Amino acid sequence: MTKYFILNIVLNFALAFVVYSGVVSYQLGNQTVLFIAIALLVVLVYLKVVMLKIVKKNASNNKPESNKPVKKGKR
């Protein structure tokens, strides 16, 4: 889970940087950088969604044992 936590932080920083660079390039009128920023934004959002699905699947598979019913043995 630690690698997913670090990956989530890296993706968040990358998303923030790409959005900022897209806004600045739009303000400066640089269309090439704007289109590259939009393409990178789509890829990063896709990667974030895939990562969240993997984490959700892993979390549901690793439920704690306290939720399982307790079997009573014979006395």
PDB file of N, CA and C in Angstrom:
ATOM      1  N   MET A   1       0.817  -1.199   0.000  1.00  0.00           N
ATOM      2  CA  MET A   1       0.000   0.000   0.000  1.00  0.00           C
ATOM      3  C   MET A   1       0.859   1.261   0.000  1.00  0.00           C
ATOM      4  N   THR A   2       2.090   1.150   0.459  1.00  0.00           N
ATOM      5  CA  THR A   2       2.950   2.329   0.512  1.00  0.00           C
ATOM      6  C   THR A   2       3.262   2.843  -0.883  1.00  0.00           C
ATOM      7  N   LYS A   3       3.461   1.921  -1.825  1.00  0.00           N
ATOM      8  CA  LYS A   3       3.776   2.375  -3.177  1.00  0.00           C
ATOM      9  C   LYS A   3       2.578   3.084  -3.809  1.00  0.00           C
ATOM     10  N   TYR A   4       1.366   2.664  -3.488  1.00  0.00           N
ATOM     11  CA  TYR A   4       0.186   3.356  -4.016  1.00  0.00           C
ATOM     12  C   TYR A   4       0.020   4.726  -3.370  1.00  0.00           C
ATOM     13  N   PHE A   5       0.389   4.828  -2.110  1.00  0.00           N
ATOM     14  CA  PHE A   5       0.329   6.115  -1.420  1.00  0.00           C
ATOM     15  C   PHE A   5       1.296   7.107  -2.053  1.00  0.00           C
ATOM     16  N   ILE A   6       2.524   6.662  -2.313  1.00  0.00           N
ATOM     17  CA  ILE A   6       3.522   7.524  -2.947  1.00  0.00           C
ATOM     18  C   ILE A   6       3.104   7.860  -4.380  1.00  0.00           C
ATOM     19  N   LEU A   7       2.584   6.868  -5.100  1.00  0.00           N
ATOM     20  CA  LEU A   7       2.115   7.110  -6.467  1.00  0.00           C
ATOM     21  C   LEU A   7       0.974   8.122  -6.488  1.00  0.00           C
ATOM     22  N   ASN A   8       0.096   8.058  -5.503  1.00  0.00           N
ATOM     23  CA  ASN A   8      -1.008   9.013  -5.415  1.00  0.00           C
ATOM     24  C   ASN A   8      -0.488  10.432  -5.204  1.00  0.00           C
ATOM     25  N   ILE A   9       0.513  10.579  -4.345  1.00  0.00           N
ATOM     26  CA  ILE A   9       1.092  11.906  -4.106  1.00  0.00           C
ATOM     27  C   ILE A   9       1.746  12.443  -5.375  1.00  0.00           C
ATOM     28  N   VAL A  10       2.504  11.597  -6.069  1.00  0.00           N
ATOM     29  CA  VAL A  10       3.173  12.010  -7.306  1.00  0.00           C
ATOM     30  C   VAL A  10       2.147  12.399  -8.370  1.00  0.00           C
ATOM     31  N   LEU A  11       1.088  11.610  -8.490  1.00  0.00           N
ATOM     32  CA  LEU A  11       0.047  11.938  -9.469  1.00  0.00           C
ATOM     33  C   LEU A  11      -0.656  13.245  -9.125  1.00  0.00           C
ATOM     34  N   ASN A  12      -0.891  13.502  -7.846  1.00  0.00           N
ATOM     35  CA  ASN A  12      -1.529  14.758  -7.453  1.00  0.00           C
ATOM     36  C   ASN A  12      -0.658  15.958  -7.807  1.00  0.00           C
ATOM     37  N   PHE A  13       0.648  15.855  -7.523  1.00  0.00           N
ATOM     38  CA  PHE A  13       1.552  16.947  -7.886  1.00  0.00           C
ATOM     39  C   PHE A  13       1.627  17.128  -9.396  1.00  0.00           C
ATOM     40  N   ALA A  14       1.669  16.022 -10.132  1.00  0.00           N
ATOM     41  CA  ALA A  14       1.734  16.107 -11.588  1.00  0.00           C
ATOM     42  C   ALA A  14       0.459  16.731 -12.160  1.00  0.00           C
ATOM     43  N   LEU A  15      -0.686  16.354 -11.618  1.00  0.00           N
ATOM     44  CA  LEU A  15      -1.951  16.944 -12.074  1.00  0.00           C
ATOM     45  C   LEU A  15      -1.979  18.443 -11.808  1.00  0.00           C
ATOM     46  N   ALA A  16      -1.544  18.839 -10.625  1.00  0.00           N
ATOM     47  CA  ALA A  16      -1.533  20.267 -10.293  1.00  0.00           C
ATOM     48  C   ALA A  16      -0.587  21.034 -11.215  1.00  0.00           C
ATOM     49  N   PHE A  17       0.587  20.467 -11.481  1.00  0.00           N
ATOM     50  CA  PHE A  17       1.550  21.128 -12.356  1.00  0.00           C
ATOM     51  C   PHE A  17       1.031  21.242 -13.785  1.00  0.00           C
ATOM     52  N   VAL A  18       0.388  20.195 -14.294  1.00  0.00           N
ATOM     53  CA  VAL A  18      -0.128  20.220 -15.666  1.00  0.00           C
ATOM     54  C   VAL A  18      -1.275  21.215 -15.786  1.00  0.00           C
ATOM     55  N   VAL A  19      -2.132  21.276 -14.789  1.00  0.00           N
ATOM     56  CA  VAL A  19      -3.232  22.251 -14.825  1.00  0.00           C
ATOM     57  C   VAL A  19      -2.664  23.666 -14.791  1.00  0.00           C
ATOM     58  N   TYR A  20      -1.686  23.896 -13.926  1.00  0.00           N
ATOM     59  CA  TYR A  20      -1.068  25.225 -13.847  1.00  0.00           C
ATOM     60  C   TYR A  20      -0.384  25.597 -15.160  1.00  0.00           C
ATOM     61  N   SER A  21       0.354  24.670 -15.737  1.00  0.00           N
ATOM     62  CA  SER A  21       1.034  24.971 -16.997  1.00  0.00           C
ATOM     63  C   SER A  21       0.030  25.184 -18.129  1.00  0.00           C
ATOM     64  N   GLY A  22      -1.094  24.486 -18.090  1.00  0.00           N
ATOM     65  CA  GLY A  22      -2.133  24.713 -19.090  1.00  0.00           C
ATOM     66  C   GLY A  22      -2.752  26.093 -18.965  1.00  0.00           C
ATOM     67  N   VAL A  23      -2.999  26.518 -17.743  1.00  0.00           N
ATOM     68  CA  VAL A  23      -3.577  27.853 -17.520  1.00  0.00           C
ATOM     69  C   VAL A  23      -2.609  28.943 -17.963  1.00  0.00           C
ATOM     70  N   VAL A  24      -1.335  28.804 -17.605  1.00  0.00           N
ATOM     71  CA  VAL A  24      -0.341  29.803 -17.975  1.00  0.00           C
ATOM     72  C   VAL A  24      -0.141  29.842 -19.483  1.00  0.00           C
ATOM     73  N   SER A  25      -0.101  28.682 -20.115  1.00  0.00           N
ATOM     74  CA  SER A  25       0.084  28.662 -21.570  1.00  0.00           C
ATOM     75  C   SER A  25      -1.136  29.246 -22.282  1.00  0.00           C
ATOM     76  N   TYR A  26      -2.327  29.070 -21.717  1.00  0.00           N
ATOM     77  CA  TYR A  26      -3.518  29.682 -22.301  1.00  0.00           C
ATOM     78  C   TYR A  26      -3.447  31.203 -22.185  1.00  0.00           C
ATOM     79  N   GLN A  27      -2.998  31.685 -21.036  1.00  0.00           N
ATOM     80  CA  GLN A  27      -2.889  33.124 -20.832  1.00  0.00           C
ATOM     81  C   GLN A  27      -1.839  33.755 -21.746  1.00  0.00           C
ATOM     82  N   LEU A  28      -0.773  33.004 -22.020  1.00  0.00           N
ATOM     83  CA  LEU A  28       0.279  33.521 -22.889  1.00  0.00           C
ATOM     84  C   LEU A  28      -0.019  33.298 -24.369  1.00  0.00           C
ATOM     85  N   GLY A  29      -1.023  32.506 -24.660  1.00  0.00           N
ATOM     86  CA  GLY A  29      -1.398  32.255 -26.047  1.00  0.00           C
ATOM     87  C   GLY A  29      -0.547  31.195 -26.733  1.00  0.00           C
ATOM     88  N   ASN A  30       0.126  30.365 -25.957  1.00  0.00           N
ATOM     89  CA  ASN A  30       0.967  29.306 -26.514  1.00  0.00           C
ATOM     90  C   ASN A  30       0.113  28.050 -26.710  1.00  0.00           C
ATOM     91  N   GLN A  31      -0.386  27.856 -27.908  1.00  0.00           N
ATOM     92  CA  GLN A  31      -1.323  26.774 -28.183  1.00  0.00           C
ATOM     93  C   GLN A  31      -0.671  25.392 -28.122  1.00  0.00           C
ATOM     94  N   THR A  32       0.581  25.294 -28.536  1.00  0.00           N
ATOM     95  CA  THR A  32       1.253  23.992 -28.546  1.00  0.00           C
ATOM     96  C   THR A  32       1.389  23.431 -27.139  1.00  0.00           C
ATOM     97  N   VAL A  33       1.852  24.253 -26.222  1.00  0.00           N
ATOM     98  CA  VAL A  33       2.008  23.803 -24.838  1.00  0.00           C
ATOM     99  C   VAL A  33       0.644  23.512 -24.224  1.00  0.00           C
ATOM    100  N   LEU A  34      -0.357  24.281 -24.592  1.00  0.00           N
ATOM    101  CA  LEU A  34      -1.710  24.054 -24.080  1.00  0.00           C
ATOM    102  C   LEU A  34      -2.239  22.689 -24.507  1.00  0.00           C
ATOM    103  N   PHE A  35      -2.060  22.329 -25.774  1.00  0.00           N
ATOM    104  CA  PHE A  35      -2.537  21.026 -26.255  1.00  0.00           C
ATOM    105  C   PHE A  35      -1.763  19.881 -25.613  1.00  0.00           C
ATOM    106  N   ILE A  36      -0.468  20.070 -25.411  1.00  0.00           N
ATOM    107  CA  ILE A  36       0.327  19.043 -24.733  1.00  0.00           C
ATOM    108  C   ILE A  36      -0.132  18.892 -23.285  1.00  0.00           C
ATOM    109  N   ALA A  37      -0.434  20.010 -22.628  1.00  0.00           N
ATOM    110  CA  ALA A  37      -0.901  19.967 -21.241  1.00  0.00           C
ATOM    111  C   ALA A  37      -2.252  19.260 -21.137  1.00  0.00           C
ATOM    112  N   ILE A  38      -3.126  19.508 -22.108  1.00  0.00           N
ATOM    113  CA  ILE A  38      -4.432  18.835 -22.097  1.00  0.00           C
ATOM    114  C   ILE A  38      -4.263  17.337 -22.305  1.00  0.00           C
ATOM    115  N   ALA A  39      -3.376  16.940 -23.224  1.00  0.00           N
ATOM    116  CA  ALA A  39      -3.135  15.519 -23.464  1.00  0.00           C
ATOM    117  C   ALA A  39      -2.549  14.846 -22.229  1.00  0.00           C
ATOM    118  N   LEU A  40      -1.593  15.501 -21.588  1.00  0.00           N
ATOM    119  CA  LEU A  40      -1.015  14.945 -20.363  1.00  0.00           C
ATOM    120  C   LEU A  40      -2.037  14.874 -19.234  1.00  0.00           C
ATOM    121  N   LEU A  41      -2.919  15.855 -19.177  1.00  0.00           N
ATOM    122  CA  LEU A  41      -3.961  15.850 -18.158  1.00  0.00           C
ATOM    123  C   LEU A  41      -4.882  14.641 -18.325  1.00  0.00           C
ATOM    124  N   VAL A  42      -5.246  14.333 -19.548  1.00  0.00           N
ATOM    125  CA  VAL A  42      -6.105  13.172 -19.811  1.00  0.00           C
ATOM    126  C   VAL A  42      -5.397  11.886 -19.384  1.00  0.00           C
ATOM    127  N   VAL A  43      -4.120  11.764 -19.725  1.00  0.00           N
ATOM    128  CA  VAL A  43      -3.365  10.554 -19.372  1.00  0.00           C
ATOM    129  C   VAL A  43      -3.230  10.427 -17.859  1.00  0.00           C
ATOM    130  N   LEU A  44      -2.930  11.517 -17.163  1.00  0.00           N
ATOM    131  CA  LEU A  44      -2.760  11.461 -15.712  1.00  0.00           C
ATOM    132  C   LEU A  44      -4.068  11.150 -14.991  1.00  0.00           C
ATOM    133  N   VAL A  45      -5.168  11.689 -15.479  1.00  0.00           N
ATOM    134  CA  VAL A  45      -6.471  11.375 -14.865  1.00  0.00           C
ATOM    135  C   VAL A  45      -6.799   9.898 -15.069  1.00  0.00           C
ATOM    136  N   TYR A  46      -6.493   9.372 -16.265  1.00  0.00           N
ATOM    137  CA  TYR A  46      -6.715   7.943 -16.525  1.00  0.00           C
ATOM    138  C   TYR A  46      -5.882   7.085 -15.574  1.00  0.00           C
ATOM    139  N   LEU A  47      -4.616   7.440 -15.402  1.00  0.00           N
ATOM    140  CA  LEU A  47      -3.754   6.677 -14.498  1.00  0.00           C
ATOM    141  C   LEU A  47      -4.247   6.744 -13.055  1.00  0.00           C
ATOM    142  N   LYS A  48      -4.756   7.897 -12.655  1.00  0.00           N
ATOM    143  CA  LYS A  48      -5.277   8.051 -11.294  1.00  0.00           C
ATOM    144  C   LYS A  48      -6.515   7.177 -11.087  1.00  0.00           C
ATOM    145  N   VAL A  49      -7.399   7.130 -12.077  1.00  0.00           N
ATOM    146  CA  VAL A  49      -8.605   6.304 -11.965  1.00  0.00           C
ATOM    147  C   VAL A  49      -8.235   4.828 -11.894  1.00  0.00           C
ATOM    148  N   VAL A  50      -7.290   4.395 -12.705  1.00  0.00           N
ATOM    149  CA  VAL A  50      -6.852   3.002 -12.683  1.00  0.00           C
ATOM    150  C   VAL A  50      -6.230   2.656 -11.336  1.00  0.00           C
ATOM    151  N   MET A  51      -5.396   3.552 -10.814  1.00  0.00           N
ATOM    152  CA  MET A  51      -4.776   3.314  -9.520  1.00  0.00           C
ATOM    153  C   MET A  51      -5.828   3.218  -8.415  1.00  0.00           C
ATOM    154  N   LEU A  52      -6.821   4.091  -8.445  1.00  0.00           N
ATOM    155  CA  LEU A  52      -7.868   4.046  -7.423  1.00  0.00           C
ATOM    156  C   LEU A  52      -8.679   2.757  -7.493  1.00  0.00           C
ATOM    157  N   LYS A  53      -8.908   2.248  -8.701  1.00  0.00           N
ATOM    158  CA  LYS A  53      -9.616   0.965  -8.837  1.00  0.00           C
ATOM    159  C   LYS A  53      -8.792  -0.178  -8.263  1.00  0.00           C
ATOM    160  N   ILE A  54      -7.482  -0.150  -8.489  1.00  0.00           N
ATOM    161  CA  ILE A  54      -6.609  -1.198  -7.952  1.00  0.00           C
ATOM    162  C   ILE A  54      -6.597  -1.147  -6.428  1.00  0.00           C
ATOM    163  N   VAL A  55      -6.498   0.050  -5.869  1.00  0.00           N
ATOM    164  CA  VAL A  55      -6.482   0.195  -4.408  1.00  0.00           C
ATOM    165  C   VAL A  55      -7.808  -0.255  -3.811  1.00  0.00           C
ATOM    166  N   LYS A  56      -8.900   0.077  -4.464  1.00  0.00           N
ATOM    167  CA  LYS A  56     -10.215  -0.331  -3.960  1.00  0.00           C
ATOM    168  C   LYS A  56     -10.351  -1.855  -3.982  1.00  0.00           C
ATOM    169  N   LYS A  57      -9.850  -2.485  -5.052  1.00  0.00           N
ATOM    170  CA  LYS A  57      -9.918  -3.943  -5.152  1.00  0.00           C
ATOM    171  C   LYS A  57      -9.043  -4.589  -4.082  1.00  0.00           C
ATOM    172  N   ASN A  58      -7.851  -4.049  -3.869  1.00  0.00           N
ATOM    173  CA  ASN A  58      -6.968  -4.597  -2.840  1.00  0.00           C
ATOM    174  C   ASN A  58      -7.541  -4.400  -1.448  1.00  0.00           C
ATOM    175  N   ALA A  59      -8.187  -3.289  -1.208  1.00  0.00           N
ATOM    176  CA  ALA A  59      -8.772  -3.029   0.108  1.00  0.00           C
ATOM    177  C   ALA A  59      -9.937  -3.971   0.395  1.00  0.00           C
ATOM    178  N   SER A  60     -10.715  -4.292  -0.635  1.00  0.00           N
ATOM    179  CA  SER A  60     -11.848  -5.193  -0.410  1.00  0.00           C
ATOM    180  C   SER A  60     -11.379  -6.631  -0.223  1.00  0.00           C
ATOM    181  N   ASN A  61     -10.233  -6.997  -0.806  1.00  0.00           N
ATOM    182  CA  ASN A  61      -9.702  -8.345  -0.631  1.00  0.00           C
ATOM    183  C   ASN A  61      -9.029  -8.522   0.723  1.00  0.00           C
ATOM    184  N   ASN A  62      -8.557  -7.461   1.326  1.00  0.00           N
ATOM    185  CA  ASN A  62      -7.836  -7.535   2.591  1.00  0.00           C
ATOM    186  C   ASN A  62      -8.677  -7.023   3.752  1.00  0.00           C
ATOM    187  N   LYS A  63      -9.889  -7.501   3.852  1.00  0.00           N
ATOM    188  CA  LYS A  63     -10.744  -7.081   4.964  1.00  0.00           C
ATOM    189  C   LYS A  63     -10.204  -7.674   6.265  1.00  0.00           C
ATOM    190  N   PRO A  64     -10.355  -6.951   7.353  1.00  0.00           N
ATOM    191  CA  PRO A  64      -9.866  -7.481   8.633  1.00  0.00           C
ATOM    192  C   PRO A  64     -10.643  -8.711   9.063  1.00  0.00           C
ATOM    193  N   GLU A  65     -10.011  -9.533   9.859  1.00  0.00           N
ATOM    194  CA  GLU A  65     -10.609 -10.793  10.275  1.00  0.00           C
ATOM    195  C   GLU A  65     -11.710 -10.604  11.307  1.00  0.00           C
ATOM    196  N   SER A  66     -11.799  -9.440  11.908  1.00  0.00           N
ATOM    197  CA  SER A  66     -12.808  -9.232  12.941  1.00  0.00           C
ATOM    198  C   SER A  66     -14.217  -9.185  12.355  1.00  0.00           C
ATOM    199  N   ASN A  67     -14.347  -8.962  11.058  1.00  0.00           N
ATOM    200  CA  ASN A  67     -15.662  -8.910  10.437  1.00  0.00           C
ATOM    201  C   ASN A  67     -16.184 -10.298  10.069  1.00  0.00           C
ATOM    202  N   LYS A  68     -15.304 -11.297  10.090  1.00  0.00           N
ATOM    203  CA  LYS A  68     -15.732 -12.650   9.733  1.00  0.00           C
ATOM    204  C   LYS A  68     -16.463 -13.279  10.910  1.00  0.00           C
ATOM    205  N   PRO A  69     -17.467 -14.111  10.627  1.00  0.00           N
ATOM    206  CA  PRO A  69     -18.188 -14.762  11.726  1.00  0.00           C
ATOM    207  C   PRO A  69     -17.279 -15.758  12.452  1.00  0.00           C
ATOM    208  N   VAL A  70     -17.473 -15.834  13.753  1.00  0.00           N
ATOM    209  CA  VAL A  70     -16.669 -16.717  14.575  1.00  0.00           C
ATOM    210  C   VAL A  70     -17.329 -18.076  14.620  1.00  0.00           C
ATOM    211  N   LYS A  71     -16.542 -19.128  14.308  1.00  0.00           N
ATOM    212  CA  LYS A  71     -17.076 -20.492  14.369  1.00  0.00           C
ATOM    213  C   LYS A  71     -16.921 -21.016  15.799  1.00  0.00           C
ATOM    214  N   LYS A  72     -17.998 -21.562  16.301  1.00  0.00           N
ATOM    215  CA  LYS A  72     -17.964 -22.115  17.663  1.00  0.00           C
ATOM    216  C   LYS A  72     -17.631 -23.602  17.567  1.00  0.00           C
ATOM    217  N   GLY A  73     -16.677 -23.992  18.330  1.00  0.00           N
ATOM    218  CA  GLY A  73     -16.269 -25.393  18.354  1.00  0.00           C
ATOM    219  C   GLY A  73     -17.096 -26.193  19.355  1.00  0.00           C
ATOM    220  N   LYS A  74     -16.958 -27.511  19.261  1.00  0.00           N
ATOM    221  CA  LYS A  74     -17.667 -28.391  20.199  1.00  0.00           C
ATOM    222  C   LYS A  74     -16.955 -28.384  21.546  1.00  0.00           C
ATOM    223  N   ARG A  75     -17.728 -28.468  22.597  1.00  0.00           N
ATOM    224  CA  ARG A  75     -17.154 -28.516  23.948  1.00  0.00           C
ATOM    225  C   ARG A  75     -17.136 -29.884  24.468  1.00  0.00           C
TER     226      ARG A  75
END
